[in-house]
């Protein structure tokens, strides 16, 4: 069972915590993480790209020239796809890129992502963020103490002071435990978790 140290914002060790081996000691398989990240990004795509067909472009109702006798090719509309200013053939239309992925795969990948952060020494347990007044300066000082520049903070419940203090700091994201996902874990260098959030994560993944 892995054990991690708990720190305060001054980088002083204030305790230790035992982590569940079935969540933070899972063998990491890169292809599975890649599969889940690809699925997440596909689900996040807006799918709003859209082009107009010849029937959706304004104009083109009048036949450009008569059918016979001009020596030119017959044509019925100036909005034909082969004309400049005409419609688009087989262009993109609004669609959803989401697809199904087994829940067991998503759950296992989340455990792998957490295990990888622990194995690489990039998991930090912070006992609390005591500042009640939102100040970016105070938050940046905490980052400097731990030499962190790109991190994901996981809270157990709404923490307005932390959220407001960090929103102008680049490469920093604050998220509640219920929103934890593989993609956001892997795209940040460090994972900073508060004990209440850690309890929620373990309860969620132990089912």
Protein backbone atom coordinates (compact mmCIF):
# COMPACT_ATOMS: atom_id res chain seq x y z
CA UNK A 1 0.00 0.00 0.00
CA UNK A 2 1.67 3.26 -1.13
CA UNK A 3 2.09 6.03 1.42
CA UNK A 4 2.31 9.73 0.57
CA UNK A 5 3.19 12.78 2.63
CA UNK A 6 0.69 15.54 3.34
CA UNK A 7 1.96 19.13 3.11
CA UNK A 8 0.65 22.55 4.02
CA UNK A 9 1.02 25.55 1.73
CA UNK A 10 4.41 26.37 3.28
CA UNK A 11 5.72 22.96 2.08
CA UNK A 12 5.89 21.61 5.62
CA UNK A 13 5.04 17.97 6.14
CA UNK A 14 2.00 17.70 8.39
CA UNK A 15 1.17 14.00 8.09
CA UNK A 16 1.04 10.86 6.00
CA UNK A 17 -1.71 9.11 4.11
CA UNK A 18 -2.10 5.54 2.90
CA UNK A 19 -3.41 5.17 -0.63
CA UNK A 20 -5.35 2.21 -1.94
CA UNK A 21 -3.12 -0.07 -3.97
CA UNK A 22 -5.96 -1.07 -6.32
CA UNK A 23 -6.30 2.59 -7.37
CA UNK A 24 -2.79 4.07 -7.13
CA UNK A 25 -0.77 0.92 -7.77
CA UNK A 26 -2.19 -0.16 -11.13
CA UNK A 27 0.10 -1.16 -13.99
CA UNK A 28 0.10 1.64 -16.56
CA UNK A 29 -0.67 0.67 -20.16
CA UNK A 30 -0.07 3.46 -22.63
CA UNK A 31 -2.37 2.15 -25.35
CA UNK A 32 -5.34 2.14 -22.96
CA UNK A 33 -4.68 5.72 -21.85
CA UNK A 34 -4.40 6.74 -25.50
CA UNK A 35 -7.73 5.09 -26.29
CA UNK A 36 -9.53 6.94 -23.50
CA UNK A 37 -7.92 10.31 -24.31
CA UNK A 38 -8.94 9.89 -27.97
CA UNK A 39 -12.50 9.12 -26.86
CA UNK A 40 -12.62 12.15 -24.55
CA UNK A 41 -11.37 14.53 -27.20
CA UNK A 42 -13.82 13.13 -29.73
CA UNK A 43 -16.69 13.69 -27.30
CA UNK A 44 -15.54 17.27 -26.71
CA UNK A 45 -15.51 18.18 -30.43
CA UNK A 46 -18.20 20.70 -31.25
CA UNK A 47 -18.97 19.22 -34.65
CA UNK A 48 -20.37 22.53 -35.92
CA UNK A 49 -18.45 22.70 -39.23
CA UNK A 50 -20.98 23.26 -41.99
CA UNK A 51 -21.00 24.08 -45.70
CA UNK A 52 -23.95 24.97 -47.92
CA UNK A 53 -25.25 22.78 -50.67
CA UNK A 54 -26.51 24.24 -53.96
CA UNK A 55 -30.02 24.28 -52.56
CA UNK A 56 -29.04 26.46 -49.58
CA UNK A 57 -27.19 29.23 -51.43
CA UNK A 58 -29.13 32.40 -52.26
CA UNK A 59 -29.91 32.90 -55.93
CA UNK A 60 -29.41 30.59 -58.88
CA UNK A 61 -33.07 30.21 -59.73
CA UNK A 62 -32.78 31.61 -63.24
CA UNK A 63 -31.29 29.45 -65.97
CA UNK A 64 -28.04 31.22 -67.02
CA UNK A 65 -28.65 30.66 -70.74
CA UNK A 66 -30.99 28.69 -72.94
CA UNK A 67 -30.65 24.95 -73.24
CA UNK A 68 -29.72 24.73 -76.93
CA UNK A 69 -28.16 26.73 -79.68
CA UNK A 70 -25.37 28.55 -77.81
CA UNK A 71 -22.62 25.98 -78.31
CA UNK A 72 -21.97 25.95 -74.59
CA UNK A 73 -22.59 23.17 -72.11
CA UNK A 74 -26.11 22.99 -70.77
CA UNK A 75 -26.51 24.38 -67.26
CA UNK A 76 -29.54 24.93 -65.07
CA UNK A 77 -28.22 27.06 -62.21
CA UNK A 78 -25.33 29.38 -61.42
CA UNK A 79 -25.12 27.75 -57.98
CA UNK A 80 -23.90 24.44 -59.40
CA UNK A 81 -20.97 22.97 -57.37
CA UNK A 82 -18.69 23.29 -60.41
CA UNK A 83 -19.27 27.05 -60.62
CA UNK A 84 -17.49 29.68 -58.59
CA UNK A 85 -19.86 30.79 -55.84
CA UNK A 86 -21.80 27.56 -56.13
CA UNK A 87 -22.65 24.99 -53.50
CA UNK A 88 -20.27 22.48 -51.93
CA UNK A 89 -20.46 18.79 -52.74
CA UNK A 90 -20.02 16.37 -49.83
CA UNK A 91 -18.84 19.15 -47.51
CA UNK A 92 -18.92 18.90 -43.69
CA UNK A 93 -22.29 19.01 -41.94
CA UNK A 94 -23.07 19.41 -38.21
CA UNK A 95 -22.52 16.09 -36.49
CA UNK A 96 -21.52 14.48 -33.23
CA UNK A 97 -18.13 12.80 -33.00
CA UNK A 98 -18.97 11.03 -29.74
CA UNK A 99 -18.95 7.27 -29.53
CA UNK A 100 -19.40 4.70 -26.78
CA UNK A 101 -16.55 3.35 -24.68
CA UNK A 102 -17.04 0.66 -22.00
CA UNK A 103 -17.32 2.01 -18.48
CA UNK A 104 -14.80 -0.56 -17.23
CA UNK A 105 -12.21 0.75 -19.69
CA UNK A 106 -12.76 4.36 -18.61
CA UNK A 107 -12.52 3.43 -14.94
CA UNK A 108 -9.32 1.42 -15.42
CA UNK A 109 -7.71 4.22 -17.44
CA UNK A 110 -8.48 6.71 -14.66
CA UNK A 111 -6.76 4.44 -12.16
CA UNK A 112 -3.78 4.17 -14.51
CA UNK A 113 -3.56 7.95 -14.85
CA UNK A 114 -3.55 8.36 -11.05
CA UNK A 115 -0.99 5.57 -10.66
CA UNK A 116 1.30 7.19 -13.25
CA UNK A 117 1.29 10.50 -11.37
CA UNK A 118 2.19 8.73 -8.13
CA UNK A 119 4.93 6.67 -9.78
CA UNK A 120 6.48 9.77 -11.36
CA UNK A 121 6.42 11.73 -8.11
CA UNK A 122 3.94 14.24 -9.51
CA UNK A 123 1.14 13.64 -7.01
CA UNK A 124 0.93 16.21 -4.21
CA UNK A 125 -1.44 15.99 -1.25
CA UNK A 126 -2.18 19.45 0.13
CA UNK A 127 -3.94 19.58 3.49
CA UNK A 128 -5.74 22.87 2.83
CA UNK A 129 -5.74 26.22 1.08
CA UNK A 130 -6.41 28.52 4.04
CA UNK A 131 -6.62 31.86 2.22
CA UNK A 132 -10.21 33.07 2.23
CA UNK A 133 -9.63 36.25 0.24
CA UNK A 134 -9.03 35.62 -3.48
CA UNK A 135 -5.56 36.89 -4.33
CA UNK A 136 -3.53 35.66 -7.28
CA UNK A 137 -0.35 36.70 -5.50
CA UNK A 138 -1.01 34.30 -2.61
CA UNK A 139 -1.74 31.44 -4.97
CA UNK A 140 1.38 32.07 -7.06
CA UNK A 141 3.44 31.98 -3.86
CA UNK A 142 2.10 28.50 -3.13
CA UNK A 143 3.11 27.38 -6.61
CA UNK A 144 6.57 28.82 -6.10
CA UNK A 145 6.98 26.94 -2.82
CA UNK A 146 6.40 23.61 -4.58
CA UNK A 147 8.10 24.59 -7.86
CA UNK A 148 4.89 23.97 -9.81
CA UNK A 149 4.09 25.62 -13.13
CA UNK A 150 1.46 23.37 -14.72
CA UNK A 151 -0.94 21.61 -12.38
CA UNK A 152 -4.45 20.32 -11.87
CA UNK A 153 -5.98 21.04 -8.45
CA UNK A 154 -8.71 18.68 -7.24
CA UNK A 155 -11.07 19.89 -4.52
CA UNK A 156 -13.76 18.02 -2.64
CA UNK A 157 -16.30 20.83 -2.85
CA UNK A 158 -16.61 24.38 -4.09
CA UNK A 159 -13.61 26.50 -3.07
CA UNK A 160 -14.31 29.99 -4.36
CA UNK A 161 -11.13 31.54 -3.01
CA UNK A 162 -8.92 28.97 -4.74
CA UNK A 163 -10.90 29.08 -7.96
CA UNK A 164 -10.82 32.88 -8.19
CA UNK A 165 -7.17 33.13 -7.15
CA UNK A 166 -6.04 30.69 -9.85
CA UNK A 167 -8.21 31.63 -12.80
CA UNK A 168 -5.69 34.15 -14.20
CA UNK A 169 -2.68 31.86 -13.76
CA UNK A 170 -1.76 30.09 -17.02
CA UNK A 171 -1.54 26.27 -17.12
CA UNK A 172 -3.45 25.92 -13.84
CA UNK A 173 -6.86 24.29 -13.58
CA UNK A 174 -9.09 23.77 -10.53
CA UNK A 175 -11.62 20.96 -10.70
CA UNK A 176 -13.92 19.18 -8.29
CA UNK A 177 -13.44 15.49 -7.62
CA UNK A 178 -16.54 14.42 -9.53
CA UNK A 179 -15.14 15.92 -12.74
CA UNK A 180 -11.78 14.14 -12.57
CA UNK A 181 -10.83 12.59 -15.92
CA UNK A 182 -7.90 11.00 -17.71
CA UNK A 183 -7.27 13.74 -20.26
CA UNK A 184 -6.96 16.60 -17.75
CA UNK A 185 -4.74 14.51 -15.46
CA UNK A 186 -2.28 13.65 -18.23
CA UNK A 187 -2.09 17.11 -19.78
CA UNK A 188 -0.86 18.67 -16.52
CA UNK A 189 2.57 18.04 -15.03
CA UNK A 190 1.38 17.84 -11.42
CA UNK A 191 -1.76 16.63 -9.72
CA UNK A 192 -2.57 18.44 -6.46
CA UNK A 193 -5.30 16.80 -4.39
CA UNK A 194 -6.91 17.81 -1.10
CA UNK A 195 -7.72 14.97 1.38
CA UNK A 196 -11.54 15.34 1.10
CA UNK A 197 -11.25 15.07 -2.68
CA UNK A 198 -8.97 12.05 -2.34
CA UNK A 199 -11.60 10.31 -0.21
CA UNK A 200 -14.21 10.99 -2.89
CA UNK A 201 -11.95 9.66 -5.63
CA UNK A 202 -11.23 6.45 -3.75
CA UNK A 203 -14.92 5.95 -2.97
CA UNK A 204 -15.81 6.49 -6.63
CA UNK A 205 -13.20 4.08 -8.02
CA UNK A 206 -13.57 1.41 -5.33
CA UNK A 207 -17.06 0.49 -6.54
